Amino acid sequence: MIIKRGIVVSHAGALEWGVGKVMEVNELKATIQFSDGVIRKIASSHFTILHPADSASFVSPADSVPVPKVRAAAKRVKKVKPAEA
């Protein structure tokens, strides 16, 4: 199977990912957005595991605004110099 941008594929070893749409391809890897919402990079050596899928079966992940991760900033402790006598 020839992997081209825009085709819909399924991964034989991970059917739980759903079908995926090929977003980008080069000689080393393909970037594929799967129906589970995760974009995965598949090495060209593993292209044989990809199989053609019906384009109608590709369900694009919900178009939602990603929620930014909020990290609590660590409080800085002010260093106090000992008083000189």
N, C-alpha and C. Protein backbone atom coordinates (compact mmCIF):
# COMPACT_ATOMS: atom_id res chain seq x y z
N MET A 1 0.85 -1.19 0.00
CA MET A 1 0.00 0.00 0.00
C MET A 1 0.88 1.24 0.00
N ILE A 2 0.54 2.19 -0.82
CA ILE A 2 1.27 3.45 -0.87
C ILE A 2 0.58 4.44 0.07
N ILE A 3 1.36 4.99 1.00
CA ILE A 3 0.84 5.95 1.97
C ILE A 3 0.96 7.35 1.38
N LYS A 4 -0.18 8.03 1.23
CA LYS A 4 -0.21 9.39 0.69
C LYS A 4 -1.00 10.28 1.63
N ARG A 5 -0.69 11.54 1.57
CA ARG A 5 -1.41 12.53 2.37
C ARG A 5 -2.90 12.52 1.99
N GLY A 6 -3.76 12.49 3.01
CA GLY A 6 -5.19 12.56 2.78
C GLY A 6 -5.91 11.23 2.77
N ILE A 7 -5.18 10.11 2.65
CA ILE A 7 -5.86 8.82 2.65
C ILE A 7 -6.24 8.42 4.07
N VAL A 8 -7.18 7.51 4.17
CA VAL A 8 -7.65 7.04 5.46
C VAL A 8 -7.17 5.61 5.64
N VAL A 9 -6.58 5.34 6.81
CA VAL A 9 -5.99 4.04 7.08
C VAL A 9 -6.42 3.54 8.46
N SER A 10 -6.19 2.26 8.68
CA SER A 10 -6.34 1.69 10.02
C SER A 10 -5.04 0.98 10.36
N HIS A 11 -4.74 0.90 11.64
CA HIS A 11 -3.52 0.25 12.11
C HIS A 11 -3.90 -1.14 12.59
N ALA A 12 -3.36 -2.17 11.93
CA ALA A 12 -3.74 -3.55 12.24
C ALA A 12 -3.42 -3.94 13.68
N GLY A 13 -2.41 -3.34 14.26
CA GLY A 13 -2.01 -3.70 15.62
C GLY A 13 -2.70 -2.90 16.70
N ALA A 14 -3.47 -1.90 16.32
CA ALA A 14 -4.12 -1.05 17.32
C ALA A 14 -5.49 -0.59 16.81
N LEU A 15 -6.40 -1.51 16.71
CA LEU A 15 -7.73 -1.19 16.20
C LEU A 15 -8.49 -0.23 17.11
N GLU A 16 -8.10 -0.18 18.40
CA GLU A 16 -8.78 0.72 19.35
C GLU A 16 -8.54 2.19 19.03
N TRP A 17 -7.54 2.49 18.19
CA TRP A 17 -7.27 3.87 17.79
C TRP A 17 -8.33 4.37 16.82
N GLY A 18 -9.03 3.46 16.19
CA GLY A 18 -9.97 3.83 15.14
C GLY A 18 -9.23 4.03 13.83
N VAL A 19 -9.89 4.63 12.88
CA VAL A 19 -9.23 4.89 11.60
C VAL A 19 -8.55 6.25 11.67
N GLY A 20 -7.56 6.43 10.81
CA GLY A 20 -6.80 7.68 10.85
C GLY A 20 -6.63 8.28 9.48
N LYS A 21 -6.49 9.57 9.46
CA LYS A 21 -6.26 10.30 8.22
C LYS A 21 -4.81 10.73 8.18
N VAL A 22 -4.14 10.41 7.08
CA VAL A 22 -2.72 10.75 6.93
C VAL A 22 -2.61 12.26 6.71
N MET A 23 -1.88 12.92 7.61
CA MET A 23 -1.72 14.37 7.55
C MET A 23 -0.45 14.78 6.81
N GLU A 24 0.61 13.98 6.98
CA GLU A 24 1.90 14.32 6.39
C GLU A 24 2.69 13.03 6.19
N VAL A 25 3.47 12.97 5.11
CA VAL A 25 4.29 11.79 4.83
C VAL A 25 5.65 12.25 4.33
N ASN A 26 6.70 11.58 4.80
CA ASN A 26 8.03 11.76 4.22
C ASN A 26 8.68 10.39 4.15
N GLU A 27 9.94 10.33 3.77
CA GLU A 27 10.58 9.03 3.58
C GLU A 27 10.80 8.27 4.90
N LEU A 28 10.72 8.95 6.03
CA LEU A 28 10.97 8.31 7.32
C LEU A 28 9.73 7.95 8.12
N LYS A 29 8.65 8.74 7.96
CA LYS A 29 7.47 8.53 8.80
C LYS A 29 6.23 9.17 8.19
N ALA A 30 5.09 8.76 8.74
CA ALA A 30 3.81 9.37 8.38
C ALA A 30 3.17 9.89 9.66
N THR A 31 2.60 11.08 9.58
CA THR A 31 1.87 11.65 10.70
C THR A 31 0.40 11.43 10.44
N ILE A 32 -0.26 10.73 11.37
CA ILE A 32 -1.64 10.33 11.17
C ILE A 32 -2.49 10.76 12.36
N GLN A 33 -3.63 11.39 12.05
CA GLN A 33 -4.58 11.77 13.11
C GLN A 33 -5.63 10.68 13.17
N PHE A 34 -5.70 9.99 14.31
CA PHE A 34 -6.64 8.90 14.48
C PHE A 34 -7.94 9.39 15.11
N SER A 35 -8.98 8.59 14.96
CA SER A 35 -10.30 8.97 15.46
C SER A 35 -10.35 9.12 16.97
N ASP A 36 -9.39 8.51 17.68
CA ASP A 36 -9.38 8.67 19.14
C ASP A 36 -8.83 10.03 19.57
N GLY A 37 -8.46 10.87 18.60
CA GLY A 37 -8.01 12.22 18.89
C GLY A 37 -6.51 12.38 19.03
N VAL A 38 -5.76 11.30 18.90
CA VAL A 38 -4.31 11.37 19.07
C VAL A 38 -3.64 11.38 17.69
N ILE A 39 -2.67 12.27 17.54
CA ILE A 39 -1.87 12.31 16.33
C ILE A 39 -0.63 11.48 16.59
N ARG A 40 -0.43 10.46 15.74
CA ARG A 40 0.70 9.55 15.93
C ARG A 40 1.61 9.58 14.72
N LYS A 41 2.89 9.35 14.97
CA LYS A 41 3.88 9.27 13.90
C LYS A 41 4.29 7.81 13.75
N ILE A 42 4.08 7.28 12.56
CA ILE A 42 4.37 5.88 12.27
C ILE A 42 5.60 5.83 11.38
N ALA A 43 6.60 5.06 11.80
CA ALA A 43 7.84 4.92 11.03
C ALA A 43 7.55 4.20 9.71
N SER A 44 8.28 4.58 8.68
CA SER A 44 8.06 3.98 7.36
C SER A 44 8.29 2.47 7.38
N SER A 45 9.11 1.99 8.28
CA SER A 45 9.34 0.56 8.39
C SER A 45 8.09 -0.19 8.86
N HIS A 46 7.10 0.54 9.39
CA HIS A 46 5.87 -0.06 9.89
C HIS A 46 4.67 0.22 8.98
N PHE A 47 4.90 0.78 7.79
CA PHE A 47 3.80 1.07 6.88
C PHE A 47 3.03 -0.19 6.49
N THR A 48 3.67 -1.36 6.55
CA THR A 48 2.98 -2.59 6.17
C THR A 48 1.86 -2.94 7.15
N ILE A 49 1.88 -2.36 8.34
CA ILE A 49 0.84 -2.60 9.34
C ILE A 49 -0.40 -1.75 9.06
N LEU A 50 -0.24 -0.72 8.24
CA LEU A 50 -1.37 0.16 7.90
C LEU A 50 -2.16 -0.44 6.75
N HIS A 51 -3.48 -0.39 6.88
CA HIS A 51 -4.37 -0.93 5.86
C HIS A 51 -5.35 0.15 5.43
N PRO A 52 -5.78 0.13 4.17
CA PRO A 52 -6.75 1.12 3.72
C PRO A 52 -8.06 0.98 4.49
N ALA A 53 -8.69 2.10 4.74
CA ALA A 53 -9.98 2.11 5.44
C ALA A 53 -10.94 2.99 4.65
N ASP A 54 -12.21 2.78 4.88
CA ASP A 54 -13.24 3.56 4.21
C ASP A 54 -13.19 5.00 4.72
N SER A 55 -13.10 5.95 3.80
CA SER A 55 -12.97 7.35 4.21
C SER A 55 -14.19 7.83 4.98
N ALA A 56 -15.33 7.21 4.74
CA ALA A 56 -16.55 7.59 5.47
C ALA A 56 -16.48 7.16 6.93
N SER A 57 -15.61 6.20 7.24
CA SER A 57 -15.52 5.71 8.62
C SER A 57 -14.62 6.59 9.48
N PHE A 58 -13.91 7.55 8.88
CA PHE A 58 -13.06 8.44 9.67
C PHE A 58 -13.92 9.47 10.37
N VAL A 59 -13.83 9.48 11.69
CA VAL A 59 -14.56 10.45 12.50
C VAL A 59 -13.53 11.39 13.09
N SER A 60 -13.58 12.63 12.65
CA SER A 60 -12.65 13.62 13.17
C SER A 60 -12.94 13.86 14.64
N PRO A 61 -11.87 13.96 15.45
CA PRO A 61 -12.09 14.26 16.88
C PRO A 61 -12.87 15.56 17.03
N ALA A 62 -13.61 15.64 18.11
CA ALA A 62 -14.43 16.82 18.36
C ALA A 62 -13.58 18.08 18.30
N ASP A 63 -14.09 19.06 17.60
CA ASP A 63 -13.37 20.33 17.49
C ASP A 63 -13.61 21.13 18.77
N SER A 64 -12.74 20.92 19.71
CA SER A 64 -12.87 21.63 20.98
C SER A 64 -11.59 22.42 21.23
N VAL A 65 -11.75 23.44 22.01
CA VAL A 65 -10.59 24.26 22.35
C VAL A 65 -9.83 23.53 23.44
N PRO A 66 -8.55 23.27 23.22
CA PRO A 66 -7.79 22.57 24.26
C PRO A 66 -7.69 23.41 25.52
N VAL A 67 -7.83 22.75 26.64
CA VAL A 67 -7.73 23.42 27.93
C VAL A 67 -6.26 23.45 28.32
N PRO A 68 -5.72 24.65 28.53
CA PRO A 68 -4.30 24.71 28.90
C PRO A 68 -4.08 24.13 30.28
N LYS A 69 -2.96 23.48 30.43
CA LYS A 69 -2.60 22.92 31.73
C LYS A 69 -2.14 24.04 32.64
N VAL A 70 -2.66 24.06 33.83
CA VAL A 70 -2.28 25.10 34.78
C VAL A 70 -1.33 24.47 35.78
N ARG A 71 -0.18 25.05 35.87
CA ARG A 71 0.81 24.56 36.84
C ARG A 71 0.92 25.58 37.97
N ALA A 72 0.87 25.05 39.15
CA ALA A 72 1.03 25.93 40.31
C ALA A 72 2.49 26.34 40.38
N ALA A 73 2.70 27.63 40.44
CA ALA A 73 4.08 28.13 40.52
C ALA A 73 4.63 27.85 41.92
N ALA A 74 5.83 27.38 41.95
CA ALA A 74 6.47 27.11 43.24
C ALA A 74 6.79 28.44 43.90
N LYS A 75 6.50 28.53 45.18
CA LYS A 75 6.79 29.78 45.89
C LYS A 75 8.28 29.87 46.13
N ARG A 76 8.79 31.03 45.91
CA ARG A 76 10.20 31.26 46.19
C ARG A 76 10.35 31.75 47.62
N VAL A 77 11.30 31.18 48.26
CA VAL A 77 11.57 31.58 49.64
C VAL A 77 12.68 32.62 49.59
N LYS A 78 12.41 33.75 50.21
CA LYS A 78 13.40 34.81 50.21
C LYS A 78 14.49 34.46 51.19
N LYS A 79 15.71 34.50 50.70
CA LYS A 79 16.85 34.20 51.56
C LYS A 79 17.19 35.45 52.36
N VAL A 80 17.36 35.26 53.63
CA VAL A 80 17.69 36.38 54.51
C VAL A 80 19.14 36.22 54.94
N LYS A 81 19.90 37.30 54.70
CA LYS A 81 21.30 37.27 55.13
C LYS A 81 21.35 37.47 56.63
N PRO A 82 22.21 36.71 57.29
CA PRO A 82 22.34 36.91 58.74
C PRO A 82 22.92 38.30 59.01
N ALA A 83 22.42 38.91 60.06
CA ALA A 83 22.86 40.27 60.41
C ALA A 83 24.31 40.19 60.93
N GLU A 84 25.12 41.12 60.44
CA GLU A 84 26.51 41.17 60.90
C GLU A 84 26.60 42.07 62.13
N ALA A 85 27.36 41.64 63.12
CA ALA A 85 27.48 42.40 64.35
C ALA A 85 28.72 43.27 64.39
